[in-house]
Amino acid sequence: MVLRRGGLRDPGRVPAPARAAAPYLHEQLRGGLPLLRPLLLEFPADPDAWDVEDAFLFGRDLLVAPVLEPGARHREVYLPAGAGWTHTDTGTTFEGGQRVSVDAPLAQIPLFLRDDARLPIQEE
């Protein structure tokens, strides 16, 4: 893949997930905020969001909670207050302002969507 001014020289070589997420990425980058955000950036009034060091927002609406401990198959995730959060794998919706325990099998990173957001991908 070769980058050049104005885009990619060979867009066919961009991985499919990156192409599918392109509309979301472009929208999130317009505001000038970083794409990967600490929870406190979107939820400054939630004091517990200031203490989260093991999860982040991908744009405004997607909370990513990677498993950081070797061998772990579940983890606790803090969901910031002021929003509802839907676990992308189970469809379960949680109120913000609480910690939830979720399964985290080896091939799956726990992801949560904020309020009524949709997965930031475009079908090909």
C-alpha atoms as a PDB file:
ATOM      1  CA  MET A   1       0.000   0.000   0.000  1.00  0.00           C
ATOM      2  CA  VAL A   2       1.431   3.370  -0.975  1.00  0.00           C
ATOM      3  CA  LEU A   3       0.125   6.601   0.480  1.00  0.00           C
ATOM      4  CA  ARG A   4       0.093   9.732  -1.574  1.00  0.00           C
ATOM      5  CA  ARG A   5      -1.479  13.141  -1.269  1.00  0.00           C
ATOM      6  CA  GLY A   6      -5.212  12.823  -1.832  1.00  0.00           C
ATOM      7  CA  GLY A   7      -5.515   9.158  -0.881  1.00  0.00           C
ATOM      8  CA  LEU A   8      -4.203   5.699  -1.527  1.00  0.00           C
ATOM      9  CA  ARG A   9      -2.561   4.756  -4.780  1.00  0.00           C
ATOM     10  CA  ASP A  10      -4.066   1.250  -4.552  1.00  0.00           C
ATOM     11  CA  PRO A  11      -7.265   1.382  -2.462  1.00  0.00           C
ATOM     12  CA  GLY A  12      -7.921  -2.284  -3.245  1.00  0.00           C
ATOM     13  CA  ARG A  13      -5.071  -3.188  -0.906  1.00  0.00           C
ATOM     14  CA  VAL A  14      -6.671  -1.515   2.115  1.00  0.00           C
ATOM     15  CA  PRO A  15      -7.958  -4.251   4.450  1.00  0.00           C
ATOM     16  CA  ALA A  16     -11.727  -4.761   4.229  1.00  0.00           C
ATOM     17  CA  PRO A  17     -12.398  -3.806   7.892  1.00  0.00           C
ATOM     18  CA  ALA A  18     -10.599  -0.484   7.393  1.00  0.00           C
ATOM     19  CA  ARG A  19     -12.594   0.249   4.233  1.00  0.00           C
ATOM     20  CA  ALA A  20     -15.834  -0.684   6.013  1.00  0.00           C
ATOM     21  CA  ALA A  21     -15.081   1.644   8.933  1.00  0.00           C
ATOM     22  CA  ALA A  22     -13.945   4.556   6.730  1.00  0.00           C
ATOM     23  CA  PRO A  23     -17.201   6.590   6.944  1.00  0.00           C
ATOM     24  CA  TYR A  24     -17.158   6.405  10.754  1.00  0.00           C
ATOM     25  CA  LEU A  25     -13.463   7.294  10.900  1.00  0.00           C
ATOM     26  CA  HIS A  26     -13.920  10.330   8.661  1.00  0.00           C
ATOM     27  CA  GLU A  27     -16.874  11.543  10.729  1.00  0.00           C
ATOM     28  CA  GLN A  28     -15.004  11.145  14.030  1.00  0.00           C
ATOM     29  CA  LEU A  29     -11.876  12.925  12.794  1.00  0.00           C
ATOM     30  CA  ARG A  30     -13.760  16.028  11.609  1.00  0.00           C
ATOM     31  CA  GLY A  31     -14.098  17.469  15.104  1.00  0.00           C
ATOM     32  CA  GLY A  32     -10.349  17.631  15.709  1.00  0.00           C
ATOM     33  CA  LEU A  33     -10.439  15.274  18.704  1.00  0.00           C
ATOM     34  CA  PRO A  34      -8.235  12.182  18.752  1.00  0.00           C
ATOM     35  CA  LEU A  35      -9.806   9.005  17.410  1.00  0.00           C
ATOM     36  CA  LEU A  36      -8.712   6.998  20.475  1.00  0.00           C
ATOM     37  CA  ARG A  37     -10.028   8.830  23.523  1.00  0.00           C
ATOM     38  CA  PRO A  38      -9.863   8.308  27.256  1.00  0.00           C
ATOM     39  CA  LEU A  39     -13.334   7.996  28.779  1.00  0.00           C
ATOM     40  CA  LEU A  40     -12.869  11.249  30.682  1.00  0.00           C
ATOM     41  CA  LEU A  41     -12.747  13.198  27.411  1.00  0.00           C
ATOM     42  CA  GLU A  42     -16.391  12.398  26.574  1.00  0.00           C
ATOM     43  CA  PHE A  43     -17.572  12.052  30.183  1.00  0.00           C
ATOM     44  CA  PRO A  44     -15.816  14.785  32.210  1.00  0.00           C
ATOM     45  CA  ALA A  45     -18.644  14.976  34.779  1.00  0.00           C
ATOM     46  CA  ASP A  46     -18.263  11.291  35.702  1.00  0.00           C
ATOM     47  CA  PRO A  47     -15.494  11.075  38.327  1.00  0.00           C
ATOM     48  CA  ASP A  48     -15.146   7.296  37.847  1.00  0.00           C
ATOM     49  CA  ALA A  49     -14.421   7.791  34.131  1.00  0.00           C
ATOM     50  CA  TRP A  50     -11.299   9.724  35.149  1.00  0.00           C
ATOM     51  CA  ASP A  51      -9.883   6.600  36.810  1.00  0.00           C
ATOM     52  CA  VAL A  52     -10.327   4.147  33.910  1.00  0.00           C
ATOM     53  CA  GLU A  53      -6.951   3.137  32.490  1.00  0.00           C
ATOM     54  CA  ASP A  54      -7.827  -0.159  30.808  1.00  0.00           C
ATOM     55  CA  ALA A  55     -10.513   0.887  28.289  1.00  0.00           C
ATOM     56  CA  PHE A  56     -10.938   3.671  25.753  1.00  0.00           C
ATOM     57  CA  LEU A  57     -13.369   5.139  23.273  1.00  0.00           C
ATOM     58  CA  PHE A  58     -12.852   4.624  19.560  1.00  0.00           C
ATOM     59  CA  GLY A  59     -14.438   7.818  18.364  1.00  0.00           C
ATOM     60  CA  ARG A  60     -17.414   9.051  20.334  1.00  0.00           C
ATOM     61  CA  ASP A  61     -19.602   5.947  20.429  1.00  0.00           C
ATOM     62  CA  LEU A  62     -17.550   2.758  20.663  1.00  0.00           C
ATOM     63  CA  LEU A  63     -16.083   1.716  24.018  1.00  0.00           C
ATOM     64  CA  VAL A  64     -13.243  -0.783  23.650  1.00  0.00           C
ATOM     65  CA  ALA A  65     -12.293  -2.890  26.675  1.00  0.00           C
ATOM     66  CA  PRO A  66      -9.289  -5.048  25.736  1.00  0.00           C
ATOM     67  CA  VAL A  67      -8.239  -7.943  27.922  1.00  0.00           C
ATOM     68  CA  LEU A  68      -4.888  -7.040  29.430  1.00  0.00           C
ATOM     69  CA  GLU A  69      -4.257 -10.024  31.683  1.00  0.00           C
ATOM     70  CA  PRO A  70      -2.778 -13.199  30.201  1.00  0.00           C
ATOM     71  CA  GLY A  71      -5.225 -16.112  30.245  1.00  0.00           C
ATOM     72  CA  ALA A  72      -8.247 -14.025  31.247  1.00  0.00           C
ATOM     73  CA  ARG A  73     -11.524 -15.049  29.601  1.00  0.00           C
ATOM     74  CA  HIS A  74     -13.740 -12.395  31.181  1.00  0.00           C
ATOM     75  CA  ARG A  75     -13.234  -8.924  32.539  1.00  0.00           C
ATOM     76  CA  GLU A  76     -14.891  -6.090  34.390  1.00  0.00           C
ATOM     77  CA  VAL A  77     -15.682  -2.968  32.393  1.00  0.00           C
ATOM     78  CA  TYR A  78     -16.696   0.446  33.699  1.00  0.00           C
ATOM     79  CA  LEU A  79     -19.470   1.998  31.604  1.00  0.00           C
ATOM     80  CA  PRO A  80     -19.545   5.799  31.983  1.00  0.00           C
ATOM     81  CA  ALA A  81     -22.584   7.501  33.497  1.00  0.00           C
ATOM     82  CA  GLY A  82     -24.782   9.614  31.284  1.00  0.00           C
ATOM     83  CA  ALA A  83     -25.277   7.045  28.528  1.00  0.00           C
ATOM     84  CA  GLY A  84     -26.711   3.611  27.895  1.00  0.00           C
ATOM     85  CA  TRP A  85     -24.279   0.965  26.626  1.00  0.00           C
ATOM     86  CA  THR A  86     -25.015  -2.052  24.428  1.00  0.00           C
ATOM     87  CA  HIS A  87     -22.619  -5.001  24.419  1.00  0.00           C
ATOM     88  CA  THR A  88     -22.023  -5.704  20.729  1.00  0.00           C
ATOM     89  CA  ASP A  89     -21.747  -9.488  21.098  1.00  0.00           C
ATOM     90  CA  THR A  90     -24.789 -10.154  23.259  1.00  0.00           C
ATOM     91  CA  GLY A  91     -27.036  -7.160  22.509  1.00  0.00           C
ATOM     92  CA  THR A  92     -27.481  -6.633  26.252  1.00  0.00           C
ATOM     93  CA  THR A  93     -28.004  -2.978  27.200  1.00  0.00           C
ATOM     94  CA  PHE A  94     -26.652  -1.544  30.453  1.00  0.00           C
ATOM     95  CA  GLU A  95     -27.156   1.791  32.166  1.00  0.00           C
ATOM     96  CA  GLY A  96     -23.961   3.785  32.509  1.00  0.00           C
ATOM     97  CA  GLY A  97     -22.318   4.531  35.830  1.00  0.00           C
ATOM     98  CA  GLN A  98     -21.630   0.910  36.718  1.00  0.00           C
ATOM     99  CA  ARG A  99     -19.113  -1.890  36.324  1.00  0.00           C
ATOM    100  CA  VAL A 100     -20.211  -4.985  34.453  1.00  0.00           C
ATOM    101  CA  SER A 101     -18.525  -8.348  34.058  1.00  0.00           C
ATOM    102  CA  VAL A 102     -18.446  -9.702  30.504  1.00  0.00           C
ATOM    103  CA  ASP A 103     -17.076 -12.737  28.747  1.00  0.00           C
ATOM    104  CA  ALA A 104     -13.923 -12.080  26.777  1.00  0.00           C
ATOM    105  CA  PRO A 105     -12.938 -15.159  24.809  1.00  0.00           C
ATOM    106  CA  LEU A 106      -9.518 -15.107  23.211  1.00  0.00           C
ATOM    107  CA  ALA A 107     -10.731 -14.073  19.739  1.00  0.00           C
ATOM    108  CA  GLN A 108     -13.109 -11.329  20.875  1.00  0.00           C
ATOM    109  CA  ILE A 109     -12.498  -7.901  22.432  1.00  0.00           C
ATOM    110  CA  PRO A 110     -15.414  -6.618  24.529  1.00  0.00           C
ATOM    111  CA  LEU A 111     -17.064  -3.688  22.707  1.00  0.00           C
ATOM    112  CA  PHE A 112     -19.953  -1.466  23.803  1.00  0.00           C
ATOM    113  CA  LEU A 113     -21.986   0.993  21.733  1.00  0.00           C
ATOM    114  CA  ARG A 114     -23.140   4.252  23.270  1.00  0.00           C
ATOM    115  CA  ASP A 115     -26.891   4.938  23.378  1.00  0.00           C
ATOM    116  CA  ASP A 116     -28.438   4.214  19.971  1.00  0.00           C
ATOM    117  CA  ALA A 117     -25.202   4.193  17.974  1.00  0.00           C
ATOM    118  CA  ARG A 118     -24.683   1.495  15.382  1.00  0.00           C
ATOM    119  CA  LEU A 119     -21.528  -0.435  14.654  1.00  0.00           C
ATOM    120  CA  PRO A 120     -19.328   1.968  12.703  1.00  0.00           C
ATOM    121  CA  ILE A 121     -19.004  -0.180   9.611  1.00  0.00           C
ATOM    122  CA  GLN A 122     -20.425  -0.080   6.139  1.00  0.00           C
ATOM    123  CA  GLU A 123     -21.363  -3.315   4.422  1.00  0.00           C
ATOM    124  CA  GLU A 124     -19.428  -4.007   1.233  1.00  0.00           C
END
